[in-house]
Amino acid sequence: MKLEDIRREYTKGGLRREMLADCPITQFENWLQQAVDAKFADPTAMVVATVDEQGQPSQRIVLLKHLDEHGFVFFTNTGSRKAQEIKSNNKVCLHFPWHEIERQVIVYGEAKTLSTAAVAKYFLSRPQESQLAAWASQQSRPVSSRKALMETFHAMKAKFAKGQIPLPDFWGGYCVEPTKIEFWQGGENRLHDRFMYVKQDDGSWLIDRLNP
């Protein structure tokens, strides 16, 4: 196998300035709806990139759980690596890779902590097994074996068998408030279409076309 020989053309269509909404949130919602309509397995999956105190980036895939004019919301264990890195540097980057329709969206912004009420509302809406998994996992920390993890899971299941599963005090959420959002559409001959929305001081958005 020669990696340098693996390539394909991007032929799904172009992206022009007149096709874009003035607000990037509206534009994102339009593209997300098209991804949902195309029946992708995980249309809300996004890569979250953070940076630690030594400047080392790390990435992981999480699910977008809410979107409004304020930004992009996800939830996590506050003891996790990403949460600890956000605590020391709240500038993050989100990436939505919609390969099937030759699109990607990159969001640059700052992660702001959600209120306990907002976190609890979402946590209590999750399936019971997912709630128990949140209690069982000390996310990002070493665990001796899969067996040990499952033993903790079943212990939590027994502990909360007779009542509502409470919100863990180590579970939270973030809203990534965007400062820049890039929309990328694949193009023939690697002449891709890229547009960057940049938030202005008055809250409006400046839109620039970027070279591919």
N, C-alpha and C. Protein backbone atom coordinates (compact mmCIF):
# COMPACT_ATOMS: atom_id res chain seq x y z
N MET A 1 0.84 -1.19 0.00
CA MET A 1 0.00 0.00 0.00
C MET A 1 0.88 1.25 0.00
N LYS A 2 0.62 2.16 -0.93
CA LYS A 2 1.32 3.44 -0.98
C LYS A 2 0.36 4.55 -0.57
N LEU A 3 0.59 5.11 0.59
CA LEU A 3 -0.31 6.14 1.10
C LEU A 3 -0.38 7.34 0.16
N GLU A 4 0.74 7.66 -0.46
CA GLU A 4 0.76 8.83 -1.34
C GLU A 4 -0.10 8.66 -2.59
N ASP A 5 -0.49 7.40 -2.88
CA ASP A 5 -1.32 7.15 -4.06
C ASP A 5 -2.81 7.13 -3.75
N ILE A 6 -3.17 7.25 -2.47
CA ILE A 6 -4.59 7.24 -2.09
C ILE A 6 -5.14 8.66 -2.23
N ARG A 7 -6.06 8.83 -3.16
CA ARG A 7 -6.64 10.15 -3.38
C ARG A 7 -7.98 10.00 -4.10
N ARG A 8 -8.76 11.03 -4.08
CA ARG A 8 -10.01 11.05 -4.82
C ARG A 8 -10.35 12.49 -5.16
N GLU A 9 -11.28 12.66 -6.07
CA GLU A 9 -11.75 13.99 -6.40
C GLU A 9 -12.96 14.34 -5.54
N TYR A 10 -13.13 15.63 -5.28
CA TYR A 10 -14.28 16.12 -4.54
C TYR A 10 -15.25 16.74 -5.54
N THR A 11 -16.43 16.13 -5.64
CA THR A 11 -17.34 16.51 -6.73
C THR A 11 -18.77 16.79 -6.27
N LYS A 12 -18.97 16.96 -4.98
CA LYS A 12 -20.33 17.13 -4.46
C LYS A 12 -20.92 18.50 -4.73
N GLY A 13 -20.10 19.45 -5.16
CA GLY A 13 -20.63 20.79 -5.43
C GLY A 13 -19.81 21.86 -4.75
N GLY A 14 -19.96 23.09 -5.22
CA GLY A 14 -19.17 24.19 -4.69
C GLY A 14 -19.93 25.00 -3.65
N LEU A 15 -19.24 26.00 -3.12
CA LEU A 15 -19.81 26.90 -2.13
C LEU A 15 -19.47 28.33 -2.54
N ARG A 16 -20.48 29.17 -2.66
CA ARG A 16 -20.27 30.55 -3.09
C ARG A 16 -20.79 31.50 -2.01
N ARG A 17 -20.25 32.71 -2.03
CA ARG A 17 -20.60 33.68 -0.99
C ARG A 17 -22.10 33.92 -0.90
N GLU A 18 -22.77 33.98 -2.04
CA GLU A 18 -24.21 34.26 -2.03
C GLU A 18 -25.03 33.11 -1.45
N MET A 19 -24.39 31.95 -1.27
CA MET A 19 -25.08 30.80 -0.69
C MET A 19 -25.04 30.81 0.83
N LEU A 20 -24.23 31.68 1.42
CA LEU A 20 -24.02 31.68 2.86
C LEU A 20 -25.01 32.58 3.60
N ALA A 21 -25.43 32.14 4.77
CA ALA A 21 -26.23 32.99 5.66
C ALA A 21 -25.32 34.04 6.28
N ASP A 22 -25.88 35.17 6.67
CA ASP A 22 -25.07 36.23 7.30
C ASP A 22 -24.55 35.80 8.66
N CYS A 23 -25.29 34.94 9.35
CA CYS A 23 -24.90 34.46 10.68
C CYS A 23 -24.35 33.04 10.56
N PRO A 24 -23.17 32.76 11.11
CA PRO A 24 -22.61 31.41 10.99
C PRO A 24 -23.40 30.35 11.75
N ILE A 25 -24.11 30.73 12.81
CA ILE A 25 -24.93 29.75 13.53
C ILE A 25 -26.05 29.26 12.63
N THR A 26 -26.67 30.20 11.91
CA THR A 26 -27.71 29.83 10.94
C THR A 26 -27.14 28.94 9.86
N GLN A 27 -25.97 29.30 9.34
CA GLN A 27 -25.32 28.49 8.31
C GLN A 27 -25.00 27.09 8.83
N PHE A 28 -24.52 27.02 10.07
CA PHE A 28 -24.21 25.72 10.65
C PHE A 28 -25.47 24.88 10.81
N GLU A 29 -26.53 25.50 11.30
CA GLU A 29 -27.79 24.76 11.47
C GLU A 29 -28.28 24.20 10.14
N ASN A 30 -28.11 24.97 9.06
CA ASN A 30 -28.52 24.50 7.73
C ASN A 30 -27.72 23.26 7.33
N TRP A 31 -26.41 23.33 7.51
CA TRP A 31 -25.55 22.20 7.15
C TRP A 31 -25.79 21.00 8.06
N LEU A 32 -25.99 21.25 9.35
CA LEU A 32 -26.26 20.15 10.27
C LEU A 32 -27.55 19.44 9.90
N GLN A 33 -28.59 20.20 9.55
CA GLN A 33 -29.85 19.58 9.16
C GLN A 33 -29.67 18.71 7.92
N GLN A 34 -28.84 19.17 6.98
CA GLN A 34 -28.57 18.38 5.78
C GLN A 34 -27.82 17.10 6.14
N ALA A 35 -26.91 17.17 7.11
CA ALA A 35 -26.20 15.98 7.56
C ALA A 35 -27.16 15.00 8.23
N VAL A 36 -28.09 15.53 9.03
CA VAL A 36 -29.10 14.69 9.67
C VAL A 36 -30.00 14.04 8.62
N ASP A 37 -30.45 14.85 7.64
CA ASP A 37 -31.32 14.34 6.58
C ASP A 37 -30.63 13.26 5.75
N ALA A 38 -29.31 13.35 5.64
CA ALA A 38 -28.55 12.35 4.89
C ALA A 38 -28.35 11.06 5.68
N LYS A 39 -28.86 11.06 6.93
CA LYS A 39 -28.84 9.88 7.80
C LYS A 39 -27.42 9.41 8.13
N PHE A 40 -26.53 10.37 8.41
CA PHE A 40 -25.21 10.02 8.90
C PHE A 40 -25.34 9.30 10.23
N ALA A 41 -24.39 8.42 10.53
CA ALA A 41 -24.44 7.67 11.79
C ALA A 41 -24.31 8.60 12.99
N ASP A 42 -23.42 9.59 12.89
CA ASP A 42 -23.18 10.50 14.01
C ASP A 42 -23.05 11.93 13.50
N PRO A 43 -24.14 12.55 13.07
CA PRO A 43 -24.04 13.91 12.51
C PRO A 43 -23.60 14.96 13.52
N THR A 44 -23.81 14.70 14.83
CA THR A 44 -23.44 15.68 15.85
C THR A 44 -22.07 15.41 16.46
N ALA A 45 -21.35 14.40 15.94
CA ALA A 45 -20.02 14.10 16.47
C ALA A 45 -19.06 15.22 16.11
N MET A 46 -18.26 15.64 17.08
CA MET A 46 -17.29 16.71 16.83
C MET A 46 -16.00 16.43 17.60
N VAL A 47 -14.90 16.81 16.99
CA VAL A 47 -13.60 16.71 17.66
C VAL A 47 -13.41 17.96 18.51
N VAL A 48 -13.08 17.78 19.77
CA VAL A 48 -12.76 18.90 20.66
C VAL A 48 -11.25 18.90 20.90
N ALA A 49 -10.59 19.99 20.53
CA ALA A 49 -9.15 20.12 20.73
C ALA A 49 -8.88 21.10 21.86
N THR A 50 -8.04 20.68 22.80
CA THR A 50 -7.63 21.52 23.92
C THR A 50 -6.11 21.50 24.00
N VAL A 51 -5.55 22.37 24.85
CA VAL A 51 -4.10 22.46 25.00
C VAL A 51 -3.76 22.45 26.49
N ASP A 52 -2.74 21.65 26.88
CA ASP A 52 -2.37 21.60 28.28
C ASP A 52 -1.39 22.71 28.65
N GLU A 53 -0.95 22.74 29.90
CA GLU A 53 -0.10 23.82 30.38
C GLU A 53 1.28 23.82 29.75
N GLN A 54 1.68 22.68 29.15
CA GLN A 54 2.96 22.60 28.45
C GLN A 54 2.83 22.92 26.96
N GLY A 55 1.61 23.26 26.54
CA GLY A 55 1.39 23.58 25.13
C GLY A 55 1.11 22.38 24.25
N GLN A 56 0.90 21.19 24.86
CA GLN A 56 0.63 19.97 24.11
C GLN A 56 -0.86 19.87 23.78
N PRO A 57 -1.24 19.88 22.49
CA PRO A 57 -2.65 19.73 22.14
C PRO A 57 -3.12 18.29 22.34
N SER A 58 -4.39 18.13 22.59
CA SER A 58 -5.01 16.80 22.62
C SER A 58 -6.41 16.93 22.03
N GLN A 59 -6.91 15.81 21.49
CA GLN A 59 -8.20 15.81 20.83
C GLN A 59 -9.00 14.59 21.25
N ARG A 60 -10.32 14.72 21.15
CA ARG A 60 -11.21 13.60 21.38
C ARG A 60 -12.56 13.93 20.73
N ILE A 61 -13.34 12.89 20.48
CA ILE A 61 -14.66 13.08 19.86
C ILE A 61 -15.73 13.08 20.94
N VAL A 62 -16.58 14.09 20.92
CA VAL A 62 -17.74 14.16 21.80
C VAL A 62 -18.96 14.48 20.93
N LEU A 63 -20.13 14.53 21.55
CA LEU A 63 -21.35 14.83 20.80
C LEU A 63 -21.86 16.22 21.15
N LEU A 64 -22.22 16.97 20.12
CA LEU A 64 -22.87 18.26 20.31
C LEU A 64 -24.26 18.01 20.87
N LYS A 65 -24.60 18.64 22.00
CA LYS A 65 -25.87 18.38 22.65
C LYS A 65 -26.83 19.56 22.64
N HIS A 66 -26.36 20.75 22.27
CA HIS A 66 -27.24 21.90 22.17
C HIS A 66 -26.52 22.97 21.36
N LEU A 67 -27.31 23.77 20.66
CA LEU A 67 -26.77 24.86 19.87
C LEU A 67 -27.76 26.01 19.87
N ASP A 68 -27.27 27.21 20.17
CA ASP A 68 -28.09 28.41 20.06
C ASP A 68 -27.19 29.59 19.74
N GLU A 69 -27.71 30.80 19.89
CA GLU A 69 -26.94 31.98 19.51
C GLU A 69 -25.69 32.17 20.37
N HIS A 70 -25.66 31.50 21.52
CA HIS A 70 -24.50 31.64 22.41
C HIS A 70 -23.35 30.72 22.01
N GLY A 71 -23.68 29.54 21.43
CA GLY A 71 -22.61 28.65 21.03
C GLY A 71 -22.97 27.18 21.06
N PHE A 72 -21.91 26.36 21.15
CA PHE A 72 -21.97 24.91 20.98
C PHE A 72 -21.77 24.23 22.34
N VAL A 73 -22.70 23.37 22.73
CA VAL A 73 -22.71 22.80 24.08
C VAL A 73 -22.35 21.32 24.06
N PHE A 74 -21.48 20.93 25.01
CA PHE A 74 -21.20 19.51 25.25
C PHE A 74 -21.02 19.30 26.75
N PHE A 75 -21.08 18.02 27.17
CA PHE A 75 -21.00 17.66 28.58
C PHE A 75 -19.87 16.66 28.80
N THR A 76 -19.32 16.65 30.02
CA THR A 76 -18.20 15.76 30.30
C THR A 76 -17.97 15.65 31.80
N ASN A 77 -17.13 14.69 32.17
CA ASN A 77 -16.64 14.56 33.55
C ASN A 77 -15.66 15.71 33.79
N THR A 78 -15.85 16.46 34.86
CA THR A 78 -14.98 17.61 35.11
C THR A 78 -13.59 17.21 35.60
N GLY A 79 -13.39 15.93 35.86
CA GLY A 79 -12.06 15.44 36.20
C GLY A 79 -11.30 14.93 34.99
N SER A 80 -11.94 14.95 33.83
CA SER A 80 -11.31 14.44 32.61
C SER A 80 -10.17 15.34 32.16
N ARG A 81 -9.35 14.82 31.26
CA ARG A 81 -8.23 15.61 30.75
C ARG A 81 -8.71 16.88 30.07
N LYS A 82 -9.74 16.76 29.23
CA LYS A 82 -10.20 17.96 28.51
C LYS A 82 -10.72 19.02 29.46
N ALA A 83 -11.42 18.59 30.53
CA ALA A 83 -11.96 19.56 31.49
C ALA A 83 -10.82 20.25 32.25
N GLN A 84 -9.81 19.49 32.60
CA GLN A 84 -8.68 20.07 33.31
C GLN A 84 -7.90 21.03 32.42
N GLU A 85 -7.78 20.69 31.15
CA GLU A 85 -7.08 21.58 30.23
C GLU A 85 -7.89 22.85 29.97
N ILE A 86 -9.21 22.71 29.88
CA ILE A 86 -10.06 23.89 29.71
C ILE A 86 -9.97 24.80 30.93
N LYS A 87 -9.81 24.19 32.10
CA LYS A 87 -9.71 24.99 33.33
C LYS A 87 -8.51 25.92 33.29
N SER A 88 -7.41 25.48 32.69
CA SER A 88 -6.20 26.30 32.64
C SER A 88 -6.13 27.13 31.36
N ASN A 89 -6.83 26.72 30.31
CA ASN A 89 -6.84 27.45 29.04
C ASN A 89 -8.16 27.15 28.35
N ASN A 90 -9.10 28.09 28.40
CA ASN A 90 -10.44 27.80 27.89
C ASN A 90 -10.61 28.05 26.39
N LYS A 91 -9.51 28.34 25.70
CA LYS A 91 -9.58 28.47 24.24
C LYS A 91 -9.54 27.08 23.62
N VAL A 92 -10.59 26.74 22.88
CA VAL A 92 -10.70 25.41 22.29
C VAL A 92 -11.05 25.52 20.81
N CYS A 93 -10.96 24.37 20.14
CA CYS A 93 -11.33 24.29 18.73
C CYS A 93 -12.21 23.06 18.53
N LEU A 94 -13.29 23.22 17.79
CA LEU A 94 -14.21 22.12 17.45
C LEU A 94 -14.10 21.83 15.96
N HIS A 95 -14.22 20.55 15.61
CA HIS A 95 -14.15 20.17 14.20
C HIS A 95 -15.26 19.17 13.89
N PHE A 96 -16.09 19.49 12.92
CA PHE A 96 -17.16 18.61 12.45
C PHE A 96 -16.74 18.05 11.08
N PRO A 97 -16.39 16.76 10.98
CA PRO A 97 -15.94 16.18 9.72
C PRO A 97 -17.06 15.42 9.01
N TRP A 98 -17.75 16.09 8.12
CA TRP A 98 -18.85 15.44 7.39
C TRP A 98 -18.32 14.94 6.05
N HIS A 99 -17.56 13.84 6.09
CA HIS A 99 -16.87 13.35 4.90
C HIS A 99 -17.82 12.99 3.77
N GLU A 100 -18.98 12.42 4.14
CA GLU A 100 -19.88 11.90 3.11
C GLU A 100 -20.36 12.98 2.15
N ILE A 101 -20.48 14.21 2.63
CA ILE A 101 -20.91 15.30 1.75
C ILE A 101 -19.77 16.30 1.52
N GLU A 102 -18.53 15.82 1.79
CA GLU A 102 -17.32 16.58 1.48
C GLU A 102 -17.34 17.96 2.12
N ARG A 103 -17.71 17.98 3.39
CA ARG A 103 -17.77 19.23 4.13
C ARG A 103 -17.08 19.09 5.47
N GLN A 104 -16.60 20.19 5.98
CA GLN A 104 -16.15 20.25 7.35
C GLN A 104 -16.38 21.66 7.89
N VAL A 105 -16.58 21.73 9.19
CA VAL A 105 -16.75 23.02 9.87
C VAL A 105 -15.78 23.05 11.04
N ILE A 106 -15.06 24.16 11.17
CA ILE A 106 -14.11 24.34 12.27
C ILE A 106 -14.53 25.55 13.08
N VAL A 107 -14.68 25.35 14.38
CA VAL A 107 -15.13 26.41 15.29
C VAL A 107 -13.99 26.77 16.24
N TYR A 108 -13.66 28.05 16.30
CA TYR A 108 -12.66 28.55 17.25
C TYR A 108 -13.40 29.38 18.30
N GLY A 109 -13.10 29.15 19.58
CA GLY A 109 -13.83 29.91 20.58
C GLY A 109 -13.33 29.65 21.98
N GLU A 110 -14.13 30.09 22.95
CA GLU A 110 -13.81 29.93 24.36
C GLU A 110 -14.90 29.12 25.04
N ALA A 111 -14.48 28.14 25.84
CA ALA A 111 -15.42 27.26 26.54
C ALA A 111 -15.82 27.89 27.87
N LYS A 112 -17.11 28.11 28.05
CA LYS A 112 -17.63 28.69 29.29
C LYS A 112 -18.42 27.63 30.05
N THR A 113 -18.24 27.58 31.36
CA THR A 113 -18.90 26.58 32.20
C THR A 113 -20.41 26.81 32.26
N LEU A 114 -21.18 25.73 32.12
CA LEU A 114 -22.63 25.82 32.23
C LEU A 114 -23.07 25.81 33.69
N SER A 115 -24.25 26.33 33.94
CA SER A 115 -24.80 26.32 35.29
C SER A 115 -25.14 24.90 35.72
N THR A 116 -25.18 24.68 37.04
CA THR A 116 -25.55 23.37 37.57
C THR A 116 -26.95 22.98 37.12
N ALA A 117 -27.85 23.94 37.04
CA ALA A 117 -29.23 23.65 36.61
C ALA A 117 -29.25 23.13 35.18
N ALA A 118 -28.46 23.75 34.30
CA ALA A 118 -28.42 23.31 32.90
C ALA A 118 -27.81 21.92 32.78
N VAL A 119 -26.78 21.65 33.57
CA VAL A 119 -26.14 20.34 33.55
C VAL A 119 -27.09 19.27 34.08
N ALA A 120 -27.77 19.58 35.18
CA ALA A 120 -28.70 18.62 35.78
C ALA A 120 -29.85 18.29 34.83
N LYS A 121 -30.36 19.31 34.15
CA LYS A 121 -31.47 19.09 33.21
C LYS A 121 -31.08 18.10 32.14
N TYR A 122 -29.87 18.25 31.60
CA TYR A 122 -29.44 17.31 30.57
C TYR A 122 -29.14 15.94 31.16
N PHE A 123 -28.42 15.91 32.30
CA PHE A 123 -28.04 14.62 32.89
C PHE A 123 -29.26 13.76 33.17
N LEU A 124 -30.32 14.35 33.70
CA LEU A 124 -31.51 13.59 34.04
C LEU A 124 -32.29 13.14 32.81
N SER A 125 -31.97 13.71 31.65
CA SER A 125 -32.63 13.29 30.40
C SER A 125 -31.92 12.11 29.75
N ARG A 126 -30.73 11.77 30.24
CA ARG A 126 -29.95 10.69 29.64
C ARG A 126 -30.54 9.33 30.01
N PRO A 127 -30.28 8.30 29.19
CA PRO A 127 -30.69 6.95 29.57
C PRO A 127 -30.04 6.55 30.89
N GLN A 128 -30.72 5.74 31.66
CA GLN A 128 -30.24 5.36 32.99
C GLN A 128 -28.85 4.73 32.92
N GLU A 129 -28.60 3.90 31.92
CA GLU A 129 -27.30 3.24 31.82
C GLU A 129 -26.19 4.27 31.61
N SER A 130 -26.48 5.32 30.86
CA SER A 130 -25.50 6.37 30.65
C SER A 130 -25.23 7.15 31.93
N GLN A 131 -26.28 7.37 32.70
CA GLN A 131 -26.11 8.04 34.00
C GLN A 131 -25.20 7.20 34.91
N LEU A 132 -25.45 5.90 34.93
CA LEU A 132 -24.63 5.02 35.77
C LEU A 132 -23.18 5.00 35.30
N ALA A 133 -22.98 5.02 33.99
CA ALA A 133 -21.63 5.02 33.44
C ALA A 133 -20.87 6.27 33.88
N ALA A 134 -21.57 7.39 33.97
CA ALA A 134 -20.93 8.63 34.43
C ALA A 134 -20.43 8.47 35.86
N TRP A 135 -21.22 7.81 36.69
CA TRP A 135 -20.81 7.57 38.07
C TRP A 135 -19.66 6.57 38.15
N ALA A 136 -19.65 5.60 37.26
CA ALA A 136 -18.67 4.50 37.35
C ALA A 136 -17.30 4.89 36.83
N SER A 137 -17.22 5.85 35.92
CA SER A 137 -15.96 6.15 35.25
C SER A 137 -15.25 7.36 35.84
N GLN A 138 -14.01 7.15 36.26
CA GLN A 138 -13.13 8.26 36.61
C GLN A 138 -12.39 8.64 35.33
N GLN A 139 -13.07 9.37 34.48
CA GLN A 139 -12.64 9.59 33.10
C GLN A 139 -11.20 10.07 32.99
N SER A 140 -10.47 9.46 32.06
CA SER A 140 -9.08 9.78 31.72
C SER A 140 -8.06 9.21 32.70
N ARG A 141 -8.51 8.64 33.83
CA ARG A 141 -7.58 8.08 34.80
C ARG A 141 -7.36 6.59 34.54
N PRO A 142 -6.20 6.05 34.93
CA PRO A 142 -5.92 4.63 34.70
C PRO A 142 -6.91 3.73 35.43
N VAL A 143 -7.22 2.59 34.81
CA VAL A 143 -8.06 1.57 35.44
C VAL A 143 -7.38 0.23 35.19
N SER A 144 -7.39 -0.65 36.18
CA SER A 144 -6.60 -1.88 36.10
C SER A 144 -7.08 -2.84 35.01
N SER A 145 -8.39 -2.86 34.76
CA SER A 145 -8.92 -3.80 33.76
C SER A 145 -10.36 -3.43 33.41
N ARG A 146 -10.85 -4.01 32.33
CA ARG A 146 -12.25 -3.87 31.96
C ARG A 146 -13.14 -4.45 33.06
N LYS A 147 -12.68 -5.57 33.65
CA LYS A 147 -13.44 -6.21 34.71
C LYS A 147 -13.64 -5.26 35.88
N ALA A 148 -12.59 -4.53 36.26
CA ALA A 148 -12.69 -3.59 37.38
C ALA A 148 -13.69 -2.48 37.07
N LEU A 149 -13.67 -1.99 35.83
CA LEU A 149 -14.61 -0.96 35.42
C LEU A 149 -16.05 -1.46 35.52
N MET A 150 -16.29 -2.69 35.04
CA MET A 150 -17.64 -3.23 35.06
C MET A 150 -18.10 -3.51 36.49
N GLU A 151 -17.18 -3.89 37.36
CA GLU A 151 -17.54 -4.10 38.77
C GLU A 151 -18.01 -2.80 39.40
N THR A 152 -17.34 -1.70 39.06
CA THR A 152 -17.75 -0.40 39.58
C THR A 152 -19.11 -0.01 39.01
N PHE A 153 -19.30 -0.29 37.74
CA PHE A 153 -20.58 0.02 37.10
C PHE A 153 -21.73 -0.72 37.81
N HIS A 154 -21.55 -2.01 38.05
CA HIS A 154 -22.60 -2.79 38.70
C HIS A 154 -22.80 -2.37 40.15
N ALA A 155 -21.74 -1.91 40.79
CA ALA A 155 -21.87 -1.41 42.16
C ALA A 155 -22.72 -0.15 42.18
N MET A 156 -22.51 0.73 41.20
CA MET A 156 -23.31 1.95 41.09
C MET A 156 -24.77 1.60 40.77
N LYS A 157 -24.95 0.59 39.94
CA LYS A 157 -26.31 0.17 39.59
C LYS A 157 -27.05 -0.32 40.82
N ALA A 158 -26.36 -1.06 41.69
CA ALA A 158 -26.98 -1.55 42.92
C ALA A 158 -27.22 -0.40 43.90
N LYS A 159 -26.30 0.52 43.97
CA LYS A 159 -26.40 1.64 44.90
C LYS A 159 -27.62 2.51 44.61
N PHE A 160 -27.90 2.73 43.32
CA PHE A 160 -29.00 3.62 42.95
C PHE A 160 -30.22 2.88 42.44
N ALA A 161 -30.35 1.60 42.81
CA ALA A 161 -31.43 0.76 42.29
C ALA A 161 -32.81 1.23 42.73
N LYS A 162 -32.91 1.89 43.87
CA LYS A 162 -34.22 2.19 44.43
C LYS A 162 -34.67 3.65 44.27
N GLY A 163 -33.91 4.42 43.50
CA GLY A 163 -34.31 5.82 43.37
C GLY A 163 -33.70 6.48 42.14
N GLN A 164 -33.98 7.76 42.01
CA GLN A 164 -33.43 8.52 40.90
C GLN A 164 -31.92 8.66 41.05
N ILE A 165 -31.22 8.53 39.95
CA ILE A 165 -29.77 8.65 39.97
C ILE A 165 -29.42 10.13 40.04
N PRO A 166 -28.70 10.56 41.07
CA PRO A 166 -28.41 12.00 41.22
C PRO A 166 -27.30 12.46 40.29
N LEU A 167 -27.23 13.76 40.10
CA LEU A 167 -26.16 14.36 39.31
C LEU A 167 -24.85 14.24 40.07
N PRO A 168 -23.81 13.64 39.46
CA PRO A 168 -22.51 13.59 40.14
C PRO A 168 -21.93 15.00 40.28
N ASP A 169 -21.23 15.24 41.38
CA ASP A 169 -20.65 16.56 41.56
C ASP A 169 -19.42 16.76 40.68
N PHE A 170 -19.00 15.70 39.97
CA PHE A 170 -17.85 15.79 39.07
C PHE A 170 -18.28 15.76 37.60
N TRP A 171 -19.51 16.11 37.34
CA TRP A 171 -20.02 16.07 35.97
C TRP A 171 -20.53 17.45 35.60
N GLY A 172 -20.10 17.97 34.42
CA GLY A 172 -20.47 19.33 34.04
C GLY A 172 -20.60 19.48 32.54
N GLY A 173 -20.72 20.73 32.13
CA GLY A 173 -20.89 21.01 30.71
C GLY A 173 -20.29 22.34 30.34
N TYR A 174 -20.11 22.54 29.03
CA TYR A 174 -19.50 23.77 28.52
C TYR A 174 -20.26 24.27 27.30
N CYS A 175 -20.26 25.57 27.17
CA CYS A 175 -20.74 26.20 25.94
C CYS A 175 -19.53 26.86 25.29
N VAL A 176 -19.21 26.45 24.08
CA VAL A 176 -18.11 27.05 23.34
C VAL A 176 -18.66 28.25 22.58
N GLU A 177 -18.30 29.44 23.04
CA GLU A 177 -18.74 30.68 22.40
C GLU A 177 -17.78 31.00 21.26
N PRO A 178 -18.27 30.97 20.02
CA PRO A 178 -17.35 31.09 18.88
C PRO A 178 -16.86 32.51 18.63
N THR A 179 -15.61 32.60 18.21
CA THR A 179 -15.03 33.86 17.74
C THR A 179 -14.77 33.80 16.24
N LYS A 180 -14.55 32.58 15.73
CA LYS A 180 -14.37 32.35 14.30
C LYS A 180 -14.98 31.00 13.94
N ILE A 181 -15.58 30.91 12.75
CA ILE A 181 -16.11 29.64 12.27
C ILE A 181 -15.79 29.52 10.78
N GLU A 182 -15.16 28.42 10.42
CA GLU A 182 -14.81 28.17 9.02
C GLU A 182 -15.71 27.08 8.43
N PHE A 183 -16.21 27.35 7.22
CA PHE A 183 -17.00 26.38 6.45
C PHE A 183 -16.19 25.96 5.23
N TRP A 184 -16.02 24.65 5.05
CA TRP A 184 -15.17 24.09 4.00
C TRP A 184 -15.99 23.14 3.15
N GLN A 185 -15.96 23.36 1.85
CA GLN A 185 -16.64 22.48 0.90
C GLN A 185 -15.61 21.99 -0.11
N GLY A 186 -15.49 20.67 -0.26
CA GLY A 186 -14.52 20.10 -1.19
C GLY A 186 -14.79 20.55 -2.62
N GLY A 187 -13.71 20.74 -3.37
CA GLY A 187 -13.82 21.16 -4.76
C GLY A 187 -12.92 20.35 -5.68
N GLU A 188 -13.25 20.34 -6.97
CA GLU A 188 -12.45 19.59 -7.93
C GLU A 188 -11.04 20.17 -8.03
N ASN A 189 -10.08 19.28 -8.33
CA ASN A 189 -8.68 19.67 -8.50
C ASN A 189 -8.09 20.31 -7.24
N ARG A 190 -8.65 19.95 -6.10
CA ARG A 190 -8.21 20.48 -4.80
C ARG A 190 -8.43 21.99 -4.66
N LEU A 191 -9.28 22.54 -5.49
CA LEU A 191 -9.64 23.96 -5.37
C LEU A 191 -10.89 24.05 -4.49
N HIS A 192 -10.70 23.78 -3.22
CA HIS A 192 -11.80 23.74 -2.26
C HIS A 192 -12.32 25.15 -1.98
N ASP A 193 -13.57 25.21 -1.55
CA ASP A 193 -14.18 26.49 -1.15
C ASP A 193 -14.15 26.60 0.37
N ARG A 194 -13.55 27.70 0.85
CA ARG A 194 -13.43 27.94 2.28
C ARG A 194 -13.86 29.36 2.61
N PHE A 195 -14.72 29.48 3.62
CA PHE A 195 -15.16 30.79 4.08
C PHE A 195 -15.01 30.86 5.59
N MET A 196 -14.44 31.97 6.05
CA MET A 196 -14.23 32.18 7.48
C MET A 196 -15.10 33.33 7.98
N TYR A 197 -15.93 33.03 8.98
CA TYR A 197 -16.69 34.06 9.68
C TYR A 197 -15.86 34.51 10.89
N VAL A 198 -15.67 35.82 11.04
CA VAL A 198 -14.92 36.36 12.17
C VAL A 198 -15.83 37.34 12.92
N LYS A 199 -16.02 37.10 14.22
CA LYS A 199 -16.92 37.93 15.01
C LYS A 199 -16.30 39.30 15.27
N GLN A 200 -17.09 40.35 15.06
CA GLN A 200 -16.63 41.72 15.25
C GLN A 200 -17.04 42.22 16.64
N ASP A 201 -16.47 43.35 17.04
CA ASP A 201 -16.73 43.90 18.37
C ASP A 201 -18.20 44.23 18.59
N ASP A 202 -18.93 44.56 17.51
CA ASP A 202 -20.34 44.91 17.65
C ASP A 202 -21.26 43.69 17.56
N GLY A 203 -20.66 42.50 17.49
CA GLY A 203 -21.46 41.28 17.44
C GLY A 203 -21.78 40.79 16.05
N SER A 204 -21.48 41.59 15.03
CA SER A 204 -21.71 41.16 13.65
C SER A 204 -20.58 40.24 13.20
N TRP A 205 -20.73 39.66 12.01
CA TRP A 205 -19.73 38.72 11.50
C TRP A 205 -19.17 39.19 10.16
N LEU A 206 -17.86 39.22 10.05
CA LEU A 206 -17.17 39.49 8.80
C LEU A 206 -16.89 38.16 8.11
N ILE A 207 -17.16 38.08 6.82
CA ILE A 207 -16.98 36.82 6.08
C ILE A 207 -15.89 37.02 5.02
N ASP A 208 -14.85 36.19 5.08
CA ASP A 208 -13.77 36.21 4.11
C ASP A 208 -13.67 34.86 3.41
N ARG A 209 -13.41 34.91 2.09
CA ARG A 209 -13.08 33.68 1.39
C ARG A 209 -11.59 33.42 1.59
N LEU A 210 -11.24 32.13 1.88
CA LEU A 210 -9.85 31.76 2.06
C LEU A 210 -9.35 30.94 0.89
N ASN A 211 -8.08 31.03 0.62
CA ASN A 211 -7.49 30.15 -0.37
C ASN A 211 -7.60 28.70 0.09
N PRO A 212 -7.74 27.76 -0.85
CA PRO A 212 -7.86 26.35 -0.45
C PRO A 212 -6.54 25.82 0.12
